[in-house]
Structures are given as C-alpha cells and as structure tokens.
Amino acid sequence: METKQELQQAELNELVLPELKNFKTTPTLVAEALRNGILKGVIRSGQTLRQEELAATFGVSRIPVREAFRQLEAEGLIKIYPHRGAVVSSLSAFEVQELFEIRVPLETTALRLAIPNMTVLDLQKAARILDLADREEASGRWGELNWDFHASLYAPAARPRLLAMLVNLEQNVDRYMRLVLTGLDYQQHSQAEHRELLAACRDKDIEKAVALLTGHIEAAGQKLTAYLRQSEEPKPV
C-alpha cells in the first residue's frame, strides 16, 4: 500500500511532467507546476514546501526552486518564513472579502474599457467558452472556464497591467471557489448570469453590463466568505 508521502510525490510528478514537455526555463517550470498544484488543491493551504524535496522531484538544484518560491510569494500563493521555509498561504474570510471588494472596481473598469472595443469575434469567443462550460459543468474544469469567460470579456480593454492584476486576484481565490462553488445549482445560476452579461456586452450597454458584473462578483464573494466564516467558527467540544 502506498504511503501518504508516496501518493503526494506521484501527484507532484503528474504536475511536473506536462511542464517538462513545454521546454520552459527551470524556475518558470517549477513555479507553474507548483501554482497548478495549489490551485487544484493537490498542494493544500498551510502545507510546507521544502526546497530539498522539490529540487529532487524536479531534478534541479535549489536555486530555481528558490526563484520559483519568490515568484509564488509575489503572487500571494505562498509565504516564506525565516527558519521555517515556504508555506502555502491560507486566506481568512476577511482576506477573501477584501479580495472581492478589490475585484469589483478593477473588473468593472476593465469591462467599461473593453465593451467599446469588442468585436464580433470577441463576442463569439466568449459565447464558445460558455457553451463549453455548459458541457463541462460536472468536471473539474468549470472554475478554469469561468475565469476564461471573464478574461475574454476584459481582453479588449488592452490594459495588460490591469489584466495581470486581475489574474493575480483570481488565482488567490480560485482554489477556494473550486471547493465551495462547484455545485451544479450554483454553476447553472452563474451561467445564466454570464449569458445576461454577454447579452449586455453584445448590445454595448455598458451601464447594464457593469451592474450585472458587480452583482455577479459580490454574490460569489458573499457566498464564499460566509462559508469561510462558518469553517472558522470554533467547533463545540
């Protein structure tokens, strides 16, 4: 019977091999594999990441692992402590609430800037993502497709720094969203809101689109923070 450590090693190997095929620089390879592991829940909140073990897993020295840690720390996915090493970040309900409060003005700004520039091809791409999400609603890809849809709407804004900030915010909450918001009822409700939003974008109705997006983000944030607050409450002895 495989031990817990052996099972986790096998999971890490599955994350490493696809990145090796892309011939990326070593720190980027390590960072992407670890990022995927964190976002998919293979590497869990509060888990310690040890340079020596990861260097052996990737077949590299500690230097690229250390560089990958710095990148993930800048993204907010891990924290590096003196004499303890790297630990996968855990977000409190208050921290998640703050992230969603930040997301509303940033995402609505991106949408305002994007709508006047949206082409038929942009709208068709967003619609195809929604159709794919409908077919994939019972799979683990729904969270990824959810963000792909939003990103496709924001891309015509042509604001790379703003979009990079949104990607960073999304990465920090996505692993929690996958745990809480993957029920089919929520997904169907979210998809209905997505289609309303897409229709407003197609009509070039900026104010309606912004209002729909604001409500969509706030509702998801309220649901997630409520779940986290409940999980943070002390359990009766």
Protein backbone atom coordinates (compact mmCIF):
# COMPACT_ATOMS: atom_id res chain seq x y z
CA MET A 1 0.00 0.00 0.00
CA GLU A 2 1.33 3.43 -0.94
CA THR A 3 2.08 5.82 1.87
CA LYS A 4 0.67 9.38 2.01
CA GLN A 5 4.12 10.77 1.10
CA GLU A 6 4.38 8.42 -1.90
CA LEU A 7 0.92 9.42 -3.12
CA GLN A 8 1.76 13.11 -2.88
CA GLN A 9 5.04 12.50 -4.71
CA ALA A 10 3.09 10.81 -7.51
CA GLU A 11 0.72 13.78 -7.70
CA LEU A 12 3.66 16.20 -7.89
CA ASN A 13 5.22 14.11 -10.66
CA GLU A 14 1.98 14.42 -12.64
CA LEU A 15 2.27 18.20 -12.32
CA VAL A 16 5.92 18.23 -13.35
CA LEU A 17 5.78 16.08 -16.50
CA PRO A 18 3.42 18.28 -18.58
CA GLU A 19 5.58 21.33 -17.87
CA LEU A 20 8.74 19.49 -18.93
CA LYS A 21 7.21 18.94 -22.37
CA ASN A 22 6.94 22.69 -22.90
CA PHE A 23 10.71 23.28 -22.59
CA LYS A 24 10.29 26.28 -20.31
CA THR A 25 13.01 27.84 -18.17
CA THR A 26 13.53 25.91 -14.99
CA PRO A 27 12.24 28.49 -12.46
CA THR A 28 9.16 29.03 -14.64
CA LEU A 29 8.61 25.29 -14.91
CA VAL A 30 8.80 24.87 -11.14
CA ALA A 31 6.57 27.88 -10.46
CA GLU A 32 3.90 26.76 -12.93
CA ALA A 33 3.81 23.20 -11.63
CA LEU A 34 3.53 24.36 -8.02
CA ARG A 35 0.96 27.01 -8.94
CA ASN A 36 -1.19 24.39 -10.67
CA GLY A 37 -0.85 22.11 -7.67
CA ILE A 38 -2.00 24.84 -5.29
CA LEU A 39 -4.92 25.94 -7.48
CA LYS A 40 -6.11 22.34 -7.98
CA GLY A 41 -5.84 21.56 -4.27
CA VAL A 42 -3.12 18.92 -4.69
CA ILE A 43 -0.89 21.16 -2.56
CA ARG A 44 -3.07 22.36 0.31
CA SER A 45 -3.30 25.56 2.32
CA GLY A 46 -0.89 25.54 5.25
CA GLN A 47 1.34 22.89 3.68
CA THR A 48 5.10 23.40 3.97
CA LEU A 49 7.10 23.30 0.73
CA ARG A 50 10.65 22.05 1.20
CA GLN A 51 13.33 23.15 -1.24
CA GLU A 52 15.33 19.93 -0.96
CA GLU A 53 12.37 17.66 -1.70
CA LEU A 54 11.13 19.77 -4.60
CA ALA A 55 14.63 20.07 -6.08
CA ALA A 56 14.82 16.27 -6.07
CA THR A 57 11.34 15.96 -7.59
CA PHE A 58 12.20 18.32 -10.45
CA GLY A 59 15.76 17.07 -10.81
CA VAL A 60 17.22 20.55 -10.35
CA SER A 61 19.31 22.46 -7.84
CA ARG A 62 17.75 24.53 -5.06
CA ILE A 63 18.35 27.81 -6.91
CA PRO A 64 15.45 27.57 -9.43
CA VAL A 65 13.17 26.30 -6.65
CA ARG A 66 14.10 29.33 -4.55
CA GLU A 67 13.37 31.63 -7.52
CA ALA A 68 10.01 29.92 -8.06
CA PHE A 69 9.18 30.47 -4.38
CA ARG A 70 9.85 34.20 -4.77
CA GLN A 71 7.51 34.34 -7.75
CA LEU A 72 4.73 32.49 -5.95
CA GLU A 73 5.19 34.68 -2.88
CA ALA A 74 4.76 37.79 -5.05
CA GLU A 75 1.52 36.28 -6.33
CA GLY A 76 0.31 35.70 -2.77
CA LEU A 77 0.11 31.93 -3.12
CA ILE A 78 2.83 31.14 -0.58
CA LYS A 79 4.51 32.86 2.36
CA ILE A 80 8.20 32.50 3.17
CA TYR A 81 9.14 32.48 6.83
CA PRO A 82 12.66 32.71 8.29
CA HIS A 83 13.86 29.34 9.63
CA ARG A 84 10.63 27.68 8.51
CA GLY A 85 10.63 27.91 4.75
CA ALA A 86 7.73 28.29 2.31
CA VAL A 87 4.15 27.63 3.36
CA VAL A 88 1.08 27.65 1.12
CA SER A 89 -0.98 30.70 2.03
CA SER A 90 -4.30 30.34 3.82
CA LEU A 91 -6.83 33.11 3.39
CA SER A 92 -9.24 34.09 6.14
CA ALA A 93 -12.85 35.08 5.46
CA PHE A 94 -11.88 38.73 5.98
CA GLU A 95 -9.00 38.47 3.49
CA VAL A 96 -11.24 36.85 0.89
CA GLN A 97 -13.85 39.55 1.44
CA GLU A 98 -11.18 42.18 0.85
CA LEU A 99 -10.07 40.50 -2.38
CA PHE A 100 -13.61 40.55 -3.72
CA GLU A 101 -14.01 44.18 -2.70
CA ILE A 102 -10.90 44.94 -4.75
CA ARG A 103 -12.11 42.85 -7.68
CA VAL A 104 -15.34 44.80 -8.20
CA PRO A 105 -13.83 48.19 -9.16
CA LEU A 106 -10.96 46.62 -11.12
CA GLU A 107 -13.09 44.19 -13.14
CA THR A 108 -15.81 46.74 -13.85
CA THR A 109 -13.15 49.20 -15.01
CA ALA A 110 -11.76 46.55 -17.36
CA LEU A 111 -15.25 45.84 -18.69
CA ARG A 112 -16.02 49.54 -19.24
CA LEU A 113 -12.85 49.92 -21.25
CA ALA A 114 -13.39 46.68 -23.15
CA ILE A 115 -17.00 46.98 -24.36
CA PRO A 116 -16.40 49.79 -26.91
CA ASN A 117 -13.57 47.70 -28.42
CA MET A 118 -15.39 44.36 -28.55
CA THR A 119 -15.63 42.81 -32.00
CA VAL A 120 -17.91 40.09 -33.28
CA LEU A 121 -15.02 37.66 -32.91
CA ASP A 122 -14.53 38.65 -29.25
CA LEU A 123 -18.20 38.02 -28.52
CA GLN A 124 -18.17 34.72 -30.40
CA LYS A 125 -15.15 33.57 -28.40
CA ALA A 126 -16.91 34.38 -25.09
CA ALA A 127 -20.03 32.53 -26.27
CA ARG A 128 -17.99 29.44 -27.21
CA ILE A 129 -16.44 29.40 -23.73
CA LEU A 130 -19.92 29.49 -22.16
CA ASP A 131 -21.06 26.62 -24.36
CA LEU A 132 -18.02 24.60 -23.38
CA ALA A 133 -18.62 25.39 -19.70
CA ASP A 134 -22.17 24.05 -20.04
CA ARG A 135 -20.80 20.76 -21.31
CA GLU A 136 -18.07 20.66 -18.65
CA GLU A 137 -20.17 21.68 -15.63
CA ALA A 138 -19.67 18.36 -13.84
CA SER A 139 -15.92 18.32 -14.45
CA GLY A 140 -13.06 19.94 -12.61
CA ARG A 141 -12.57 22.40 -15.49
CA TRP A 142 -15.52 24.61 -14.64
CA GLY A 143 -13.54 27.02 -12.47
CA GLU A 144 -10.94 27.45 -15.21
CA LEU A 145 -13.60 28.07 -17.86
CA ASN A 146 -15.39 30.51 -15.58
CA TRP A 147 -12.28 32.69 -15.49
CA ASP A 148 -11.62 32.17 -19.22
CA PHE A 149 -15.04 33.69 -19.92
CA HIS A 150 -14.39 36.75 -17.76
CA ALA A 151 -10.90 37.18 -19.18
CA SER A 152 -12.26 37.03 -22.73
CA LEU A 153 -14.55 39.98 -21.92
CA TYR A 154 -11.75 42.04 -20.36
CA ALA A 155 -9.09 41.37 -23.02
CA PRO A 156 -10.38 44.01 -25.50
CA ALA A 157 -9.64 46.67 -22.86
CA ALA A 158 -5.99 46.31 -23.91
CA ARG A 159 -4.72 47.13 -20.43
CA PRO A 160 -2.03 44.49 -19.74
CA ARG A 161 -1.15 45.71 -16.23
CA LEU A 162 -4.79 45.78 -15.17
CA LEU A 163 -5.38 42.31 -16.60
CA ALA A 164 -2.26 40.99 -14.82
CA MET A 165 -3.64 42.32 -11.53
CA LEU A 166 -6.95 40.58 -12.18
CA VAL A 167 -5.21 37.29 -12.93
CA ASN A 168 -3.35 37.55 -9.62
CA LEU A 169 -6.57 38.21 -7.69
CA GLU A 170 -8.30 35.34 -9.43
CA GLN A 171 -5.51 32.92 -8.60
CA ASN A 172 -5.72 33.78 -4.92
CA VAL A 173 -9.42 32.99 -4.59
CA ASP A 174 -9.87 30.32 -7.26
CA ARG A 175 -8.71 27.40 -5.11
CA TYR A 176 -11.36 28.33 -2.52
CA MET A 177 -14.04 28.89 -5.15
CA ARG A 178 -13.45 25.40 -6.53
CA LEU A 179 -14.17 23.90 -3.11
CA VAL A 180 -17.30 25.90 -2.39
CA LEU A 181 -18.91 26.86 -5.69
CA THR A 182 -18.69 23.73 -7.82
CA GLY A 183 -22.22 22.52 -7.07
CA LEU A 184 -24.33 22.18 -10.20
CA ASP A 185 -27.02 24.55 -8.84
CA TYR A 186 -24.52 27.36 -8.44
CA GLN A 187 -22.91 26.65 -11.79
CA GLN A 188 -26.23 26.83 -13.62
CA HIS A 189 -27.12 30.07 -11.83
CA SER A 190 -23.71 31.53 -12.63
CA GLN A 191 -24.00 30.51 -16.28
CA ALA A 192 -27.36 32.27 -16.54
CA GLU A 193 -25.74 35.44 -15.16
CA HIS A 194 -22.87 35.04 -17.63
CA ARG A 195 -25.30 34.91 -20.55
CA GLU A 196 -27.08 38.05 -19.33
CA LEU A 197 -23.71 39.77 -19.08
CA LEU A 198 -22.71 38.65 -22.56
CA ALA A 199 -26.01 39.93 -23.98
CA ALA A 200 -25.42 43.36 -22.40
CA CYS A 201 -21.92 43.43 -23.90
CA ARG A 202 -23.33 42.48 -27.30
CA ASP A 203 -25.81 45.39 -27.00
CA LYS A 204 -22.95 47.74 -26.00
CA ASP A 205 -24.98 48.58 -22.86
CA ILE A 206 -22.08 49.50 -20.61
CA GLU A 207 -24.09 50.52 -17.54
CA LYS A 208 -26.19 47.36 -17.57
CA ALA A 209 -23.14 45.18 -18.09
CA VAL A 210 -21.28 46.86 -15.21
CA ALA A 211 -24.31 46.46 -12.90
CA LEU A 212 -24.63 42.77 -13.82
CA LEU A 213 -20.92 42.15 -13.29
CA THR A 214 -20.94 43.96 -9.93
CA GLY A 215 -23.82 41.84 -8.66
CA HIS A 216 -22.22 38.66 -10.01
CA ILE A 217 -18.89 39.25 -8.24
CA GLU A 218 -20.47 40.44 -4.99
CA ALA A 219 -22.80 37.42 -4.79
CA ALA A 220 -19.91 34.97 -5.29
CA GLY A 221 -17.85 36.81 -2.68
CA GLN A 222 -20.68 36.77 -0.13
CA LYS A 223 -21.22 33.05 -0.63
CA LEU A 224 -17.54 32.25 -0.24
CA THR A 225 -16.90 34.48 2.79
CA ALA A 226 -19.98 33.04 4.51
CA TYR A 227 -18.60 29.55 4.00
CA LEU A 228 -15.17 30.51 5.33
CA ARG A 229 -16.62 32.28 8.37
CA GLN A 230 -18.58 29.17 9.19
CA SER A 231 -15.47 27.00 8.86
CA GLU A 232 -13.53 29.39 11.12
CA GLU A 233 -16.05 29.20 13.95
CA PRO A 234 -14.82 27.11 16.90
CA LYS A 235 -16.39 23.68 16.94
CA PRO A 236 -18.33 22.67 20.08
CA VAL A 237 -16.33 20.39 22.35
